[in-house]
N, C-alpha and C. Protein backbone atom coordinates (compact mmCIF):
# COMPACT_ATOMS: atom_id res chain seq x y z
N MET A 1 0.84 -1.17 0.00
CA MET A 1 0.00 0.00 0.00
C MET A 1 0.89 1.24 0.00
N SER A 2 0.61 2.17 -0.87
CA SER A 2 1.42 3.38 -0.92
C SER A 2 0.67 4.52 -0.22
N THR A 3 1.45 5.43 0.35
CA THR A 3 0.86 6.58 1.02
C THR A 3 1.39 7.84 0.35
N LYS A 4 0.65 8.91 0.48
CA LYS A 4 1.06 10.19 -0.08
C LYS A 4 1.65 11.05 1.03
N GLY A 5 2.69 11.78 0.71
CA GLY A 5 3.24 12.73 1.66
C GLY A 5 4.17 12.08 2.67
N LEU A 6 4.49 12.84 3.69
CA LEU A 6 5.40 12.39 4.73
C LEU A 6 4.63 11.71 5.85
N LEU A 7 5.25 10.73 6.47
CA LEU A 7 4.66 10.05 7.61
C LEU A 7 4.69 10.99 8.81
N ARG A 8 3.57 11.17 9.46
CA ARG A 8 3.52 12.06 10.62
C ARG A 8 3.56 11.23 11.90
N GLU A 9 4.48 11.61 12.75
CA GLU A 9 4.62 10.94 14.04
C GLU A 9 4.89 12.00 15.09
N LEU A 10 4.14 11.96 16.19
CA LEU A 10 4.33 12.93 17.26
C LEU A 10 5.64 12.63 17.97
N VAL A 11 6.53 13.62 18.00
CA VAL A 11 7.80 13.46 18.68
C VAL A 11 7.65 13.86 20.14
N THR A 12 7.12 15.04 20.35
CA THR A 12 6.89 15.54 21.71
C THR A 12 5.94 16.72 21.65
N ASN A 13 5.39 17.08 22.76
CA ASN A 13 4.49 18.22 22.85
C ASN A 13 5.16 19.27 23.73
N VAL A 14 5.57 20.38 23.14
CA VAL A 14 6.28 21.42 23.88
C VAL A 14 5.57 22.76 23.72
N LEU A 15 5.91 23.69 24.59
CA LEU A 15 5.35 25.03 24.53
C LEU A 15 6.09 25.87 23.51
N PRO A 16 5.41 26.86 22.90
CA PRO A 16 6.11 27.77 21.97
C PRO A 16 7.26 28.47 22.69
N GLY A 17 8.34 28.69 21.98
CA GLY A 17 9.52 29.32 22.56
C GLY A 17 10.53 28.33 23.09
N SER A 18 10.22 27.02 23.01
CA SER A 18 11.16 26.01 23.47
C SER A 18 12.36 25.95 22.54
N ASN A 19 13.48 25.48 23.05
CA ASN A 19 14.70 25.37 22.27
C ASN A 19 14.58 24.15 21.34
N MET A 20 14.48 24.38 20.03
CA MET A 20 14.28 23.29 19.07
C MET A 20 15.49 22.37 18.97
N CYS A 21 16.69 22.91 19.20
CA CYS A 21 17.88 22.06 19.17
C CYS A 21 17.81 21.00 20.27
N THR A 22 17.35 21.39 21.44
CA THR A 22 17.20 20.45 22.54
C THR A 22 16.05 19.49 22.28
N VAL A 23 14.97 19.99 21.72
CA VAL A 23 13.79 19.15 21.45
C VAL A 23 14.11 18.07 20.42
N LEU A 24 14.82 18.44 19.35
CA LEU A 24 15.08 17.51 18.24
C LEU A 24 16.38 16.73 18.40
N TRP A 25 17.10 16.92 19.49
CA TRP A 25 18.40 16.28 19.67
C TRP A 25 18.31 14.76 19.59
N ASN A 26 17.33 14.16 20.23
CA ASN A 26 17.19 12.70 20.26
C ASN A 26 16.16 12.18 19.27
N ALA A 27 15.68 13.02 18.38
CA ALA A 27 14.62 12.60 17.46
C ALA A 27 15.14 11.75 16.32
N GLY A 28 16.41 11.80 16.01
CA GLY A 28 16.95 11.05 14.88
C GLY A 28 16.97 11.90 13.63
N SER A 29 17.70 11.43 12.63
CA SER A 29 17.81 12.22 11.40
C SER A 29 16.52 12.15 10.61
N GLY A 30 16.21 13.24 9.92
CA GLY A 30 14.99 13.30 9.12
C GLY A 30 14.47 14.73 9.03
N ARG A 31 13.27 14.86 8.52
CA ARG A 31 12.62 16.16 8.36
C ARG A 31 11.44 16.20 9.33
N TYR A 32 11.35 17.26 10.13
CA TYR A 32 10.32 17.36 11.16
C TYR A 32 9.50 18.63 10.96
N ARG A 33 8.20 18.48 11.07
CA ARG A 33 7.27 19.60 10.98
C ARG A 33 6.84 19.96 12.39
N ILE A 34 7.02 21.22 12.74
CA ILE A 34 6.65 21.73 14.06
C ILE A 34 5.46 22.65 13.86
N GLU A 35 4.37 22.39 14.58
CA GLU A 35 3.16 23.20 14.46
C GLU A 35 2.96 24.02 15.73
N ALA A 36 2.82 25.33 15.57
CA ALA A 36 2.51 26.22 16.70
C ALA A 36 0.99 26.38 16.72
N ARG A 37 0.39 26.02 17.83
CA ARG A 37 -1.07 26.05 17.95
C ARG A 37 -1.50 27.05 19.03
N ASP A 38 -2.73 27.56 18.89
CA ASP A 38 -3.25 28.47 19.89
C ASP A 38 -4.03 27.67 20.94
N HIS A 39 -4.70 28.38 21.86
CA HIS A 39 -5.41 27.70 22.94
C HIS A 39 -6.59 26.87 22.46
N ARG A 40 -7.07 27.11 21.24
CA ARG A 40 -8.16 26.30 20.68
C ARG A 40 -7.64 25.15 19.83
N ARG A 41 -6.32 24.93 19.85
CA ARG A 41 -5.64 23.83 19.14
C ARG A 41 -5.64 24.01 17.63
N GLN A 42 -5.82 25.24 17.14
CA GLN A 42 -5.76 25.50 15.71
C GLN A 42 -4.31 25.86 15.34
N VAL A 43 -3.85 25.33 14.22
CA VAL A 43 -2.48 25.58 13.77
C VAL A 43 -2.35 27.04 13.34
N ARG A 44 -1.41 27.76 13.93
CA ARG A 44 -1.18 29.16 13.62
C ARG A 44 0.09 29.38 12.80
N LYS A 45 1.12 28.56 13.00
CA LYS A 45 2.39 28.71 12.30
C LYS A 45 3.03 27.34 12.17
N VAL A 46 3.72 27.12 11.06
CA VAL A 46 4.38 25.84 10.81
C VAL A 46 5.87 26.09 10.59
N TYR A 47 6.69 25.32 11.27
CA TYR A 47 8.13 25.35 11.10
C TYR A 47 8.57 23.97 10.63
N VAL A 48 9.57 23.93 9.78
CA VAL A 48 10.12 22.65 9.32
C VAL A 48 11.61 22.66 9.62
N TYR A 49 12.08 21.59 10.27
CA TYR A 49 13.49 21.45 10.61
C TYR A 49 14.04 20.18 9.97
N ASP A 50 15.27 20.26 9.48
CA ASP A 50 16.00 19.10 8.99
C ASP A 50 17.03 18.72 10.03
N VAL A 51 17.05 17.44 10.40
CA VAL A 51 18.06 16.92 11.31
C VAL A 51 18.96 16.00 10.49
N TYR A 52 20.22 16.33 10.39
CA TYR A 52 21.17 15.59 9.57
C TYR A 52 21.81 14.46 10.38
N PRO A 53 22.33 13.43 9.71
CA PRO A 53 22.95 12.31 10.43
C PRO A 53 24.13 12.71 11.32
N ASN A 54 24.81 13.81 10.99
CA ASN A 54 25.94 14.25 11.83
C ASN A 54 25.47 15.04 13.06
N GLY A 55 24.15 15.21 13.24
CA GLY A 55 23.62 15.90 14.41
C GLY A 55 23.28 17.35 14.20
N ARG A 56 23.59 17.89 13.03
CA ARG A 56 23.29 19.30 12.75
C ARG A 56 21.79 19.49 12.56
N ILE A 57 21.26 20.55 13.13
CA ILE A 57 19.83 20.87 13.02
C ILE A 57 19.70 22.20 12.31
N ALA A 58 18.93 22.23 11.21
CA ALA A 58 18.77 23.45 10.43
C ALA A 58 17.30 23.64 10.10
N ARG A 59 16.88 24.89 10.10
CA ARG A 59 15.51 25.20 9.73
C ARG A 59 15.40 25.23 8.22
N SER A 60 14.34 24.64 7.68
CA SER A 60 14.15 24.63 6.24
C SER A 60 12.75 25.14 5.92
N ARG A 61 12.41 25.13 4.65
CA ARG A 61 11.11 25.64 4.21
C ARG A 61 10.13 24.49 4.05
N PRO A 62 8.85 24.75 4.29
CA PRO A 62 7.85 23.70 4.05
C PRO A 62 7.79 23.36 2.57
N LEU A 63 7.45 22.11 2.28
CA LEU A 63 7.28 21.69 0.90
C LEU A 63 6.02 22.32 0.34
N LYS A 64 6.11 22.86 -0.85
CA LYS A 64 4.96 23.50 -1.48
C LYS A 64 4.04 22.45 -2.09
N LYS A 65 2.75 22.57 -1.80
CA LYS A 65 1.77 21.68 -2.38
C LYS A 65 1.23 22.31 -3.65
N PRO A 66 0.98 21.50 -4.68
CA PRO A 66 0.37 22.07 -5.88
C PRO A 66 -1.07 22.48 -5.58
N PRO A 67 -1.56 23.54 -6.22
CA PRO A 67 -2.94 23.97 -5.95
C PRO A 67 -3.93 22.91 -6.38
N LYS A 68 -4.98 22.72 -5.56
CA LYS A 68 -6.00 21.72 -5.88
C LYS A 68 -6.97 22.24 -6.92
N VAL A 69 -7.17 23.53 -6.95
CA VAL A 69 -8.11 24.14 -7.89
C VAL A 69 -7.33 25.10 -8.78
N PRO A 70 -7.50 25.04 -10.09
CA PRO A 70 -6.78 25.98 -10.94
C PRO A 70 -7.28 27.41 -10.71
N PRO A 71 -6.51 28.42 -11.10
CA PRO A 71 -6.94 29.80 -10.91
C PRO A 71 -8.23 30.08 -11.69
N ALA A 72 -9.01 31.04 -11.19
CA ALA A 72 -10.27 31.41 -11.83
C ALA A 72 -10.00 32.04 -13.20
N GLN A 73 -10.91 31.79 -14.12
CA GLN A 73 -10.79 32.35 -15.47
C GLN A 73 -11.97 33.24 -15.76
N TYR A 74 -11.71 34.27 -16.54
CA TYR A 74 -12.79 35.17 -16.95
C TYR A 74 -13.49 34.57 -18.17
N VAL A 75 -14.82 34.46 -18.11
CA VAL A 75 -15.60 33.93 -19.22
C VAL A 75 -16.54 35.03 -19.67
N ALA A 76 -16.48 35.41 -20.95
CA ALA A 76 -17.31 36.48 -21.46
C ALA A 76 -18.59 35.95 -22.06
């Protein structure tokens, strides 16, 4: 069975402003999506971090999704 996208797995639940280097230190190498949520649990900001096999942690950009709906067209 094939899946689309990246596998999502909860690493830990931390408060905004936490040190991401410390949070991701034991997570293993890979790409991690960090979601900042408000008190109603709605996602407000997304951060993506790459953890390299040598232990380096770097912030990267989210992968762009193609638009599901094409842009609107003018019909005369």
